């Protein structure tokens, strides 16, 4: 069972990394598209802004998640399985991966 949790966490982390990767910008000297074609979109990303969220760590079908009164965030970046069922304050960057909110954990504080 612990091995399954590890695979789920690694899988979610990989999805998060793929979703957050940047495309390389167009460099000087590349051929411009004709006017009849849509212009190329260059991905730009803002720096990850840390967010603090209070919630309970719960096991879901998508893996370990931080559950709040209004949202569910799949946990990535750290193994928090030891805190399963506990109320915590998580600081991390939030991203959406495959219609799922994911929080890349930077720090965790247990709450009483």
PDB file of N, CA and C in Angstrom:
ATOM      1  N   UNK A   1       0.826  -1.194   0.000  1.00  0.00           N
ATOM      2  CA  UNK A   1       0.000   0.000   0.000  1.00  0.00           C
ATOM      3  C   UNK A   1       0.872   1.262   0.000  1.00  0.00           C
ATOM      4  N   UNK A   2       1.984   1.201   0.774  1.00  0.00           N
ATOM      5  CA  UNK A   2       2.874   2.354   0.821  1.00  0.00           C
ATOM      6  C   UNK A   2       3.525   2.589  -0.541  1.00  0.00           C
ATOM      7  N   UNK A   3       3.811   1.502  -1.258  1.00  0.00           N
ATOM      8  CA  UNK A   3       4.399   1.612  -2.589  1.00  0.00           C
ATOM      9  C   UNK A   3       3.437   2.303  -3.550  1.00  0.00           C
ATOM     10  N   UNK A   4       2.147   2.016  -3.427  1.00  0.00           N
ATOM     11  CA  UNK A   4       1.136   2.659  -4.277  1.00  0.00           C
ATOM     12  C   UNK A   4       1.104   4.157  -3.997  1.00  0.00           C
ATOM     13  N   UNK A   5       1.178   4.527  -2.719  1.00  0.00           N
ATOM     14  CA  UNK A   5       1.178   5.944  -2.361  1.00  0.00           C
ATOM     15  C   UNK A   5       2.376   6.652  -2.972  1.00  0.00           C
ATOM     16  N   UNK A   6       3.520   6.004  -2.931  1.00  0.00           N
ATOM     17  CA  UNK A   6       4.733   6.599  -3.488  1.00  0.00           C
ATOM     18  C   UNK A   6       4.566   6.813  -4.990  1.00  0.00           C
ATOM     19  N   UNK A   7       4.027   5.805  -5.702  1.00  0.00           N
ATOM     20  CA  UNK A   7       3.817   5.947  -7.140  1.00  0.00           C
ATOM     21  C   UNK A   7       2.833   7.071  -7.447  1.00  0.00           C
ATOM     22  N   UNK A   8       1.776   7.194  -6.658  1.00  0.00           N
ATOM     23  CA  UNK A   8       0.794   8.253  -6.882  1.00  0.00           C
ATOM     24  C   UNK A   8       1.437   9.619  -6.677  1.00  0.00           C
ATOM     25  N   UNK A   9       2.203   9.763  -5.608  1.00  0.00           N
ATOM     26  CA  UNK A   9       2.841  11.050  -5.318  1.00  0.00           C
ATOM     27  C   UNK A   9       3.846  11.402  -6.408  1.00  0.00           C
ATOM     28  N   UNK A  10       4.647  10.431  -6.818  1.00  0.00           N
ATOM     29  CA  UNK A  10       5.620  10.680  -7.889  1.00  0.00           C
ATOM     30  C   UNK A  10       4.898  11.034  -9.191  1.00  0.00           C
ATOM     31  N   UNK A  11       3.808  10.335  -9.476  1.00  0.00           N
ATOM     32  CA  UNK A  11       3.040  10.614 -10.697  1.00  0.00           C
ATOM     33  C   UNK A  11       2.475  12.024 -10.700  1.00  0.00           C
ATOM     34  N   UNK A  12       1.892  12.442  -9.574  1.00  0.00           N
ATOM     35  CA  UNK A  12       1.335  13.788  -9.478  1.00  0.00           C
ATOM     36  C   UNK A  12       2.448  14.827  -9.591  1.00  0.00           C
ATOM     37  N   UNK A  13       3.587  14.552  -8.957  1.00  0.00           N
ATOM     38  CA  UNK A  13       4.710  15.483  -9.047  1.00  0.00           C
ATOM     39  C   UNK A  13       5.182  15.619 -10.495  1.00  0.00           C
ATOM     40  N   UNK A  14       5.237  14.511 -11.224  1.00  0.00           N
ATOM     41  CA  UNK A  14       5.639  14.554 -12.643  1.00  0.00           C
ATOM     42  C   UNK A  14       4.640  15.355 -13.468  1.00  0.00           C
ATOM     43  N   UNK A  15       3.343  15.145 -13.225  1.00  0.00           N
ATOM     44  CA  UNK A  15       2.322  15.916 -13.938  1.00  0.00           C
ATOM     45  C   UNK A  15       2.473  17.405 -13.648  1.00  0.00           C
ATOM     46  N   UNK A  16       2.756  17.720 -12.392  1.00  0.00           N
ATOM     47  CA  UNK A  16       2.938  19.107 -12.005  1.00  0.00           C
ATOM     48  C   UNK A  16       4.121  19.718 -12.744  1.00  0.00           C
ATOM     49  N   UNK A  17       5.226  18.989 -12.814  1.00  0.00           N
ATOM     50  CA  UNK A  17       6.414  19.509 -13.488  1.00  0.00           C
ATOM     51  C   UNK A  17       6.168  19.704 -14.980  1.00  0.00           C
ATOM     52  N   UNK A  18       5.480  18.772 -15.616  1.00  0.00           N
ATOM     53  CA  UNK A  18       5.181  18.889 -17.046  1.00  0.00           C
ATOM     54  C   UNK A  18       4.268  20.085 -17.287  1.00  0.00           C
ATOM     55  N   UNK A  19       3.282  20.260 -16.424  1.00  0.00           N
ATOM     56  CA  UNK A  19       2.335  21.368 -16.600  1.00  0.00           C
ATOM     57  C   UNK A  19       3.010  22.720 -16.403  1.00  0.00           C
ATOM     58  N   UNK A  20       4.032  22.768 -15.568  1.00  0.00           N
ATOM     59  CA  UNK A  20       4.682  24.037 -15.264  1.00  0.00           C
ATOM     60  C   UNK A  20       5.894  24.334 -16.148  1.00  0.00           C
ATOM     61  N   UNK A  21       6.283  23.395 -17.008  1.00  0.00           N
ATOM     62  CA  UNK A  21       7.462  23.629 -17.839  1.00  0.00           C
ATOM     63  C   UNK A  21       7.157  24.689 -18.890  1.00  0.00           C
ATOM     64  N   UNK A  22       8.168  25.454 -19.209  1.00  0.00           N
ATOM     65  CA  UNK A  22       8.011  26.522 -20.194  1.00  0.00           C
ATOM     66  C   UNK A  22       8.419  26.042 -21.573  1.00  0.00           C
ATOM     67  N   UNK A  23       7.750  26.587 -22.591  1.00  0.00           N
ATOM     68  CA  UNK A  23       8.186  26.342 -23.957  1.00  0.00           C
ATOM     69  C   UNK A  23       9.304  27.323 -24.249  1.00  0.00           C
ATOM     70  N   UNK A  24      10.252  26.921 -25.088  1.00  0.00           N
ATOM     71  CA  UNK A  24      11.349  27.834 -25.409  1.00  0.00           C
ATOM     72  C   UNK A  24      10.826  28.960 -26.297  1.00  0.00           C
ATOM     73  N   UNK A  25      11.268  30.185 -26.054  1.00  0.00           N
ATOM     74  CA  UNK A  25      10.787  31.315 -26.850  1.00  0.00           C
ATOM     75  C   UNK A  25      11.347  31.263 -28.270  1.00  0.00           C
ATOM     76  N   UNK A  26      10.685  31.978 -29.173  1.00  0.00           N
ATOM     77  CA  UNK A  26      11.122  32.064 -30.554  1.00  0.00           C
ATOM     78  C   UNK A  26      12.418  32.868 -30.579  1.00  0.00           C
ATOM     79  N   UNK A  27      13.418  32.362 -31.273  1.00  0.00           N
ATOM     80  CA  UNK A  27      14.701  33.057 -31.325  1.00  0.00           C
ATOM     81  C   UNK A  27      14.824  33.839 -32.623  1.00  0.00           C
ATOM     82  N   UNK A  28      15.741  34.798 -32.626  1.00  0.00           N
ATOM     83  CA  UNK A  28      15.974  35.620 -33.808  1.00  0.00           C
ATOM     84  C   UNK A  28      16.440  34.730 -34.961  1.00  0.00           C
ATOM     85  N   UNK A  29      15.921  34.991 -36.147  1.00  0.00           N
ATOM     86  CA  UNK A  29      16.340  34.226 -37.314  1.00  0.00           C
ATOM     87  C   UNK A  29      15.366  33.119 -37.684  1.00  0.00           C
ATOM     88  N   UNK A  30      14.382  32.839 -36.845  1.00  0.00           N
ATOM     89  CA  UNK A  30      13.415  31.823 -37.207  1.00  0.00           C
ATOM     90  C   UNK A  30      12.420  32.416 -38.195  1.00  0.00           C
ATOM     91  N   UNK A  31      11.885  31.571 -39.053  1.00  0.00           N
ATOM     92  CA  UNK A  31      10.944  32.003 -40.087  1.00  0.00           C
ATOM     93  C   UNK A  31       9.625  32.397 -39.443  1.00  0.00           C
ATOM     94  N   UNK A  32       9.098  33.554 -39.808  1.00  0.00           N
ATOM     95  CA  UNK A  32       7.809  34.014 -39.318  1.00  0.00           C
ATOM     96  C   UNK A  32       6.693  33.254 -40.029  1.00  0.00           C
ATOM     97  N   UNK A  33       5.574  33.032 -39.340  1.00  0.00           N
ATOM     98  CA  UNK A  33       4.427  32.382 -39.971  1.00  0.00           C
ATOM     99  C   UNK A  33       3.767  33.365 -40.916  1.00  0.00           C
ATOM    100  N   UNK A  34       3.097  32.825 -41.941  1.00  0.00           N
ATOM    101  CA  UNK A  34       2.393  33.698 -42.876  1.00  0.00           C
ATOM    102  C   UNK A  34       1.192  34.323 -42.173  1.00  0.00           C
ATOM    103  N   UNK A  35       0.666  35.411 -42.736  1.00  0.00           N
ATOM    104  CA  UNK A  35      -0.443  36.117 -42.122  1.00  0.00           C
ATOM    105  C   UNK A  35      -1.701  35.270 -42.045  1.00  0.00           C
ATOM    106  N   UNK A  36      -1.826  34.267 -42.908  1.00  0.00           N
ATOM    107  CA  UNK A  36      -3.031  33.435 -42.902  1.00  0.00           C
ATOM    108  C   UNK A  36      -3.017  32.433 -41.748  1.00  0.00           C
ATOM    109  N   UNK A  37      -1.855  32.209 -41.158  1.00  0.00           N
ATOM    110  CA  UNK A  37      -1.763  31.292 -40.033  1.00  0.00           C
ATOM    111  C   UNK A  37      -1.827  32.075 -38.728  1.00  0.00           C
ATOM    112  N   UNK A  38      -2.291  31.402 -37.673  1.00  0.00           N
ATOM    113  CA  UNK A  38      -2.349  32.050 -36.360  1.00  0.00           C
ATOM    114  C   UNK A  38      -0.928  32.252 -35.842  1.00  0.00           C
ATOM    115  N   UNK A  39      -0.672  33.361 -35.164  1.00  0.00           N
ATOM    116  CA  UNK A  39       0.668  33.594 -34.622  1.00  0.00           C
ATOM    117  C   UNK A  39       1.003  32.581 -33.528  1.00  0.00           C
ATOM    118  N   UNK A  40       2.270  32.280 -33.403  1.00  0.00           N
ATOM    119  CA  UNK A  40       2.701  31.318 -32.385  1.00  0.00           C
ATOM    120  C   UNK A  40       2.539  31.923 -31.000  1.00  0.00           C
ATOM    121  N   UNK A  41       2.078  31.113 -30.068  1.00  0.00           N
ATOM    122  CA  UNK A  41       1.945  31.552 -28.683  1.00  0.00           C
ATOM    123  C   UNK A  41       3.219  31.188 -27.934  1.00  0.00           C
ATOM    124  N   UNK A  42       3.803  32.140 -27.247  1.00  0.00           N
ATOM    125  CA  UNK A  42       4.987  31.885 -26.442  1.00  0.00           C
ATOM    126  C   UNK A  42       4.538  31.866 -24.987  1.00  0.00           C
ATOM    127  N   UNK A  43       4.811  30.764 -24.308  1.00  0.00           N
ATOM    128  CA  UNK A  43       4.390  30.629 -22.910  1.00  0.00           C
ATOM    129  C   UNK A  43       5.293  31.451 -22.012  1.00  0.00           C
ATOM    130  N   UNK A  44       4.668  32.238 -21.162  1.00  0.00           N
ATOM    131  CA  UNK A  44       5.411  32.939 -20.133  1.00  0.00           C
ATOM    132  C   UNK A  44       4.784  32.566 -18.808  1.00  0.00           C
ATOM    133  N   UNK A  45       5.607  32.389 -17.792  1.00  0.00           N
ATOM    134  CA  UNK A  45       5.055  32.022 -16.498  1.00  0.00           C
ATOM    135  C   UNK A  45       5.538  32.990 -15.446  1.00  0.00           C
ATOM    136  N   UNK A  46       4.630  33.352 -14.564  1.00  0.00           N
ATOM    137  CA  UNK A  46       4.989  34.198 -13.447  1.00  0.00           C
ATOM    138  C   UNK A  46       5.670  33.340 -12.393  1.00  0.00           C
ATOM    139  N   UNK A  47       6.497  33.935 -11.568  1.00  0.00           N
ATOM    140  CA  UNK A  47       7.112  33.161 -10.499  1.00  0.00           C
ATOM    141  C   UNK A  47       6.034  32.571  -9.605  1.00  0.00           C
ATOM    142  N   UNK A  48       6.317  31.389  -9.065  1.00  0.00           N
ATOM    143  CA  UNK A  48       5.354  30.739  -8.195  1.00  0.00           C
ATOM    144  C   UNK A  48       5.176  31.581  -6.940  1.00  0.00           C
ATOM    145  N   UNK A  49       3.934  31.925  -6.647  1.00  0.00           N
ATOM    146  CA  UNK A  49       3.625  32.705  -5.476  1.00  0.00           C
ATOM    147  C   UNK A  49       3.178  31.777  -4.364  1.00  0.00           C
ATOM    148  N   UNK A  50       3.871  31.761  -3.234  1.00  0.00           N
ATOM    149  CA  UNK A  50       3.459  30.889  -2.141  1.00  0.00           C
ATOM    150  C   UNK A  50       2.100  31.305  -1.584  1.00  0.00           C
ATOM    151  N   UNK A  51       1.298  30.313  -1.246  1.00  0.00           N
ATOM    152  CA  UNK A  51      -0.016  30.513  -0.665  1.00  0.00           C
ATOM    153  C   UNK A  51      -0.113  29.671   0.593  1.00  0.00           C
ATOM    154  N   UNK A  52      -0.734  30.196   1.637  1.00  0.00           N
ATOM    155  CA  UNK A  52      -0.959  29.429   2.862  1.00  0.00           C
ATOM    156  C   UNK A  52      -2.388  28.909   2.863  1.00  0.00           C
ATOM    157  N   UNK A  53      -2.539  27.605   3.125  1.00  0.00           N
ATOM    158  CA  UNK A  53      -3.858  26.981   3.158  1.00  0.00           C
ATOM    159  C   UNK A  53      -3.957  26.094   4.391  1.00  0.00           C
ATOM    160  N   UNK A  54      -5.047  26.261   5.152  1.00  0.00           N
ATOM    161  CA  UNK A  54      -5.336  25.398   6.296  1.00  0.00           C
ATOM    162  C   UNK A  54      -6.289  24.305   5.835  1.00  0.00           C
ATOM    163  N   UNK A  55      -6.023  23.074   6.261  1.00  0.00           N
ATOM    164  CA  UNK A  55      -6.913  21.980   5.904  1.00  0.00           C
ATOM    165  C   UNK A  55      -6.497  20.694   6.574  1.00  0.00           C
ATOM    166  N   UNK A  56      -7.172  19.611   6.203  1.00  0.00           N
ATOM    167  CA  UNK A  56      -6.893  18.293   6.756  1.00  0.00           C
ATOM    168  C   UNK A  56      -6.317  17.420   5.658  1.00  0.00           C
ATOM    169  N   UNK A  57      -5.251  16.688   5.975  1.00  0.00           N
ATOM    170  CA  UNK A  57      -4.642  15.784   5.005  1.00  0.00           C
ATOM    171  C   UNK A  57      -5.459  14.504   4.944  1.00  0.00           C
ATOM    172  N   UNK A  58      -5.942  14.173   3.751  1.00  0.00           N
ATOM    173  CA  UNK A  58      -6.838  13.047   3.537  1.00  0.00           C
ATOM    174  C   UNK A  58      -6.366  12.245   2.337  1.00  0.00           C
ATOM    175  N   UNK A  59      -6.532  10.924   2.391  1.00  0.00           N
ATOM    176  CA  UNK A  59      -6.213  10.075   1.248  1.00  0.00           C
ATOM    177  C   UNK A  59      -7.397  10.095   0.280  1.00  0.00           C
ATOM    178  N   UNK A  60      -7.153  10.406  -0.993  1.00  0.00           N
ATOM    179  CA  UNK A  60      -8.196  10.409  -2.020  1.00  0.00           C
ATOM    180  C   UNK A  60      -7.786   9.459  -3.132  1.00  0.00           C
ATOM    181  N   UNK A  61      -8.665   9.285  -4.112  1.00  0.00           N
ATOM    182  CA  UNK A  61      -8.335   8.404  -5.235  1.00  0.00           C
ATOM    183  C   UNK A  61      -7.198   8.965  -6.081  1.00  0.00           C
ATOM    184  N   UNK A  62      -6.947  10.267  -5.975  1.00  0.00           N
ATOM    185  CA  UNK A  62      -5.840  10.887  -6.720  1.00  0.00           C
ATOM    186  C   UNK A  62      -4.575  10.986  -5.891  1.00  0.00           C
ATOM    187  N   UNK A  63      -4.623  10.530  -4.654  1.00  0.00           N
ATOM    188  CA  UNK A  63      -3.462  10.573  -3.779  1.00  0.00           C
ATOM    189  C   UNK A  63      -3.739  11.394  -2.540  1.00  0.00           C
ATOM    190  N   UNK A  64      -2.705  11.697  -1.795  1.00  0.00           N
ATOM    191  CA  UNK A  64      -2.829  12.485  -0.578  1.00  0.00           C
ATOM    192  C   UNK A  64      -3.256  13.894  -0.956  1.00  0.00           C
ATOM    193  N   UNK A  65      -4.243  14.429  -0.239  1.00  0.00           N
ATOM    194  CA  UNK A  65      -4.775  15.738  -0.584  1.00  0.00           C
ATOM    195  C   UNK A  65      -5.014  16.564   0.663  1.00  0.00           C
ATOM    196  N   UNK A  66      -4.919  17.869   0.505  1.00  0.00           N
ATOM    197  CA  UNK A  66      -5.259  18.828   1.536  1.00  0.00           C
ATOM    198  C   UNK A  66      -6.702  19.253   1.289  1.00  0.00           C
ATOM    199  N   UNK A  67      -7.574  18.946   2.238  1.00  0.00           N
ATOM    200  CA  UNK A  67      -8.999  19.227   2.081  1.00  0.00           C
ATOM    201  C   UNK A  67      -9.359  20.417   2.965  1.00  0.00           C
ATOM    202  N   UNK A  68      -9.935  21.456   2.345  1.00  0.00           N
ATOM    203  CA  UNK A  68     -10.409  22.626   3.075  1.00  0.00           C
ATOM    204  C   UNK A  68     -11.932  22.606   3.073  1.00  0.00           C
ATOM    205  N   UNK A  69     -12.548  23.646   3.624  1.00  0.00           N
ATOM    206  CA  UNK A  69     -14.006  23.734   3.616  1.00  0.00           C
ATOM    207  C   UNK A  69     -14.562  23.856   2.200  1.00  0.00           C
ATOM    208  N   UNK A  70     -13.762  24.400   1.280  1.00  0.00           N
ATOM    209  CA  UNK A  70     -14.271  24.673  -0.061  1.00  0.00           C
ATOM    210  C   UNK A  70     -13.525  23.980  -1.194  1.00  0.00           C
ATOM    211  N   UNK A  71     -12.282  23.526  -0.955  1.00  0.00           N
ATOM    212  CA  UNK A  71     -11.467  22.990  -2.042  1.00  0.00           C
ATOM    213  C   UNK A  71     -10.693  21.745  -1.624  1.00  0.00           C
ATOM    214  N   UNK A  72     -10.168  21.049  -2.640  1.00  0.00           N
ATOM    215  CA  UNK A  72      -9.292  19.904  -2.431  1.00  0.00           C
ATOM    216  C   UNK A  72      -8.045  20.134  -3.276  1.00  0.00           C
ATOM    217  N   UNK A  73      -6.867  20.004  -2.652  1.00  0.00           N
ATOM    218  CA  UNK A  73      -5.599  20.197  -3.331  1.00  0.00           C
ATOM    219  C   UNK A  73      -4.776  18.915  -3.207  1.00  0.00           C
ATOM    220  N   UNK A  74      -4.414  18.301  -4.331  1.00  0.00           N
ATOM    221  CA  UNK A  74      -3.539  17.134  -4.297  1.00  0.00           C
ATOM    222  C   UNK A  74      -2.144  17.617  -3.904  1.00  0.00           C
ATOM    223  N   UNK A  75      -1.513  16.897  -2.980  1.00  0.00           N
ATOM    224  CA  UNK A  75      -0.219  17.292  -2.434  1.00  0.00           C
ATOM    225  C   UNK A  75       0.910  16.780  -3.324  1.00  0.00           C
ATOM    226  N   UNK A  76       1.866  17.661  -3.638  1.00  0.00           N
ATOM    227  CA  UNK A  76       3.060  17.293  -4.412  1.00  0.00           C
ATOM    228  C   UNK A  76       4.269  17.956  -3.766  1.00  0.00           C
ATOM    229  N   UNK A  77       5.427  17.364  -3.962  1.00  0.00           N
ATOM    230  CA  UNK A  77       6.664  17.982  -3.504  1.00  0.00           C
ATOM    231  C   UNK A  77       7.204  17.441  -2.201  1.00  0.00           C
ATOM    232  N   UNK A  78       6.356  16.903  -1.347  1.00  0.00           N
ATOM    233  CA  UNK A  78       6.801  16.327  -0.080  1.00  0.00           C
ATOM    234  C   UNK A  78       5.897  15.155   0.271  1.00  0.00           C
ATOM    235  N   UNK A  79       6.451  14.184   0.993  1.00  0.00           N
ATOM    236  CA  UNK A  79       5.670  13.051   1.472  1.00  0.00           C
ATOM    237  C   UNK A  79       5.092  13.421   2.834  1.00  0.00           C
ATOM    238  N   UNK A  80       3.800  13.683   2.869  1.00  0.00           N
ATOM    239  CA  UNK A  80       3.138  14.072   4.105  1.00  0.00           C
ATOM    240  C   UNK A  80       2.263  12.950   4.657  1.00  0.00           C
ATOM    241  N   UNK A  81       2.518  11.712   4.225  1.00  0.00           N
ATOM    242  CA  UNK A  81       1.678  10.586   4.634  1.00  0.00           C
ATOM    243  C   UNK A  81       1.707  10.353   6.146  1.00  0.00           C
ATOM    244  N   UNK A  82       2.779  10.766   6.820  1.00  0.00           N
ATOM    245  CA  UNK A  82       2.850  10.622   8.276  1.00  0.00           C
ATOM    246  C   UNK A  82       1.835  11.517   8.987  1.00  0.00           C
ATOM    247  N   UNK A  83       1.334  12.532   8.300  1.00  0.00           N
ATOM    248  CA  UNK A  83       0.395  13.483   8.900  1.00  0.00           C
ATOM    249  C   UNK A  83      -1.040  13.226   8.457  1.00  0.00           C
ATOM    250  N   UNK A  84      -1.292  12.083   7.840  1.00  0.00           N
ATOM    251  CA  UNK A  84      -2.613  11.731   7.339  1.00  0.00           C
ATOM    252  C   UNK A  84      -3.659  11.877   8.442  1.00  0.00           C
ATOM    253  N   UNK A  85      -4.744  12.581   8.144  1.00  0.00           N
ATOM    254  CA  UNK A  85      -5.830  12.782   9.093  1.00  0.00           C
ATOM    255  C   UNK A  85      -5.640  13.976  10.010  1.00  0.00           C
ATOM    256  N   UNK A  86      -4.506  14.659   9.919  1.00  0.00           N
ATOM    257  CA  UNK A  86      -4.227  15.791  10.808  1.00  0.00           C
ATOM    258  C   UNK A  86      -4.520  17.112  10.119  1.00  0.00           C
ATOM    259  N   UNK A  87      -4.878  18.102  10.916  1.00  0.00           N
ATOM    260  CA  UNK A  87      -5.102  19.449  10.413  1.00  0.00           C
ATOM    261  C   UNK A  87      -3.742  20.142  10.349  1.00  0.00           C
ATOM    262  N   UNK A  88      -3.448  20.766   9.208  1.00  0.00           N
ATOM    263  CA  UNK A  88      -2.151  21.400   8.982  1.00  0.00           C
ATOM    264  C   UNK A  88      -2.322  22.731   8.256  1.00  0.00           C
ATOM    265  N   UNK A  89      -1.266  23.540   8.319  1.00  0.00           N
ATOM    266  CA  UNK A  89      -1.180  24.765   7.504  1.00  0.00           C
ATOM    267  C   UNK A  89      -0.056  24.511   6.515  1.00  0.00           C
ATOM    268  N   UNK A  90      -0.394  24.522   5.221  1.00  0.00           N
ATOM    269  CA  UNK A  90       0.580  24.246   4.164  1.00  0.00           C
ATOM    270  C   UNK A  90       0.881  25.536   3.415  1.00  0.00           C
ATOM    271  N   UNK A  91       2.158  25.783   3.193  1.00  0.00           N
ATOM    272  CA  UNK A  91       2.580  26.887   2.338  1.00  0.00           C
ATOM    273  C   UNK A  91       3.123  26.255   1.063  1.00  0.00           C
ATOM    274  N   UNK A  92       2.597  26.712  -0.086  1.00  0.00           N
ATOM    275  CA  UNK A  92       3.044  26.146  -1.343  1.00  0.00           C
ATOM    276  C   UNK A  92       2.482  26.884  -2.539  1.00  0.00           C
ATOM    277  N   UNK A  93       2.900  26.444  -3.702  1.00  0.00           N
ATOM    278  CA  UNK A  93       2.446  27.028  -4.965  1.00  0.00           C
ATOM    279  C   UNK A  93       1.331  26.154  -5.528  1.00  0.00           C
ATOM    280  N   UNK A  94       0.272  26.784  -5.974  1.00  0.00           N
ATOM    281  CA  UNK A  94      -0.887  26.062  -6.503  1.00  0.00           C
ATOM    282  C   UNK A  94      -0.863  26.098  -8.025  1.00  0.00           C
ATOM    283  N   UNK A  95      -1.151  24.947  -8.622  1.00  0.00           N
ATOM    284  CA  UNK A  95      -1.259  24.834 -10.079  1.00  0.00           C
ATOM    285  C   UNK A  95      -2.441  23.925 -10.386  1.00  0.00           C
ATOM    286  N   UNK A  96      -2.961  24.037 -11.598  1.00  0.00           N
ATOM    287  CA  UNK A  96      -4.029  23.138 -12.027  1.00  0.00           C
ATOM    288  C   UNK A  96      -3.446  22.161 -13.037  1.00  0.00           C
ATOM    289  N   UNK A  97      -3.602  20.862 -12.750  1.00  0.00           N
ATOM    290  CA  UNK A  97      -3.090  19.806 -13.609  1.00  0.00           C
ATOM    291  C   UNK A  97      -4.246  18.866 -13.908  1.00  0.00           C
ATOM    292  N   UNK A  98      -4.599  18.730 -15.173  1.00  0.00           N
ATOM    293  CA  UNK A  98      -5.693  17.846 -15.583  1.00  0.00           C
ATOM    294  C   UNK A  98      -6.957  18.099 -14.768  1.00  0.00           C
ATOM    295  N   UNK A  99      -7.370  19.365 -14.679  1.00  0.00           N
ATOM    296  CA  UNK A  99      -8.570  19.771 -13.943  1.00  0.00           C
ATOM    297  C   UNK A  99      -8.515  19.425 -12.466  1.00  0.00           C
ATOM    298  N   UNK A 100      -7.321  19.278 -11.913  1.00  0.00           N
ATOM    299  CA  UNK A 100      -7.128  18.995 -10.497  1.00  0.00           C
ATOM    300  C   UNK A 100      -6.206  20.050  -9.923  1.00  0.00           C
ATOM    301  N   UNK A 101      -6.603  20.632  -8.786  1.00  0.00           N
ATOM    302  CA  UNK A 101      -5.738  21.600  -8.130  1.00  0.00           C
ATOM    303  C   UNK A 101      -4.646  20.841  -7.379  1.00  0.00           C
ATOM    304  N   UNK A 102      -3.405  21.252  -7.610  1.00  0.00           N
ATOM    305  CA  UNK A 102      -2.245  20.620  -6.986  1.00  0.00           C
ATOM    306  C   UNK A 102      -1.496  21.691  -6.210  1.00  0.00           C
ATOM    307  N   UNK A 103      -1.073  21.360  -4.999  1.00  0.00           N
ATOM    308  CA  UNK A 103      -0.245  22.283  -4.225  1.00  0.00           C
ATOM    309  C   UNK A 103       1.143  21.673  -4.072  1.00  0.00           C
ATOM    310  N   UNK A 104       2.133  22.396  -4.583  1.00  0.00           N
ATOM    311  CA  UNK A 104       3.532  21.984  -4.450  1.00  0.00           C
ATOM    312  C   UNK A 104       4.007  22.512  -3.105  1.00  0.00           C
ATOM    313  N   UNK A 105       4.166  21.605  -2.159  1.00  0.00           N
ATOM    314  CA  UNK A 105       4.417  21.961  -0.769  1.00  0.00           C
ATOM    315  C   UNK A 105       5.817  22.523  -0.575  1.00  0.00           C
ATOM    316  N   UNK A 106       5.875  23.679   0.098  1.00  0.00           N
ATOM    317  CA  UNK A 106       7.151  24.280   0.474  1.00  0.00           C
ATOM    318  C   UNK A 106       7.394  24.074   1.969  1.00  0.00           C
ATOM    319  N   UNK A 107       6.320  24.197   2.777  1.00  0.00           N
ATOM    320  CA  UNK A 107       6.443  23.973   4.217  1.00  0.00           C
ATOM    321  C   UNK A 107       5.090  23.547   4.784  1.00  0.00           C
ATOM    322  N   UNK A 108       5.159  22.845   5.936  1.00  0.00           N
ATOM    323  CA  UNK A 108       3.967  22.352   6.615  1.00  0.00           C
ATOM    324  C   UNK A 108       4.090  22.641   8.108  1.00  0.00           C
ATOM    325  N   UNK A 109       3.005  23.126   8.699  1.00  0.00           N
ATOM    326  CA  UNK A 109       2.960  23.341  10.139  1.00  0.00           C
ATOM    327  C   UNK A 109       1.748  22.600  10.678  1.00  0.00           C
ATOM    328  N   UNK A 110       1.961  21.622  11.596  1.00  0.00           N
ATOM    329  CA  UNK A 110       0.826  20.943  12.204  1.00  0.00           C
ATOM    330  C   UNK A 110       0.029  21.930  13.051  1.00  0.00           C
ATOM    331  N   UNK A 111      -1.303  21.777  13.050  1.00  0.00           N
ATOM    332  CA  UNK A 111      -2.166  22.655  13.846  1.00  0.00           C
ATOM    333  C   UNK A 111      -2.848  21.819  14.917  1.00  0.00           C
ATOM    334  N   UNK A 112      -3.109  22.429  16.031  1.00  0.00           N
ATOM    335  CA  UNK A 112      -3.767  21.730  17.137  1.00  0.00           C
ATOM    336  C   UNK A 112      -5.255  21.874  17.047  1.00  0.00           C
TER     337      UNK A 112
END
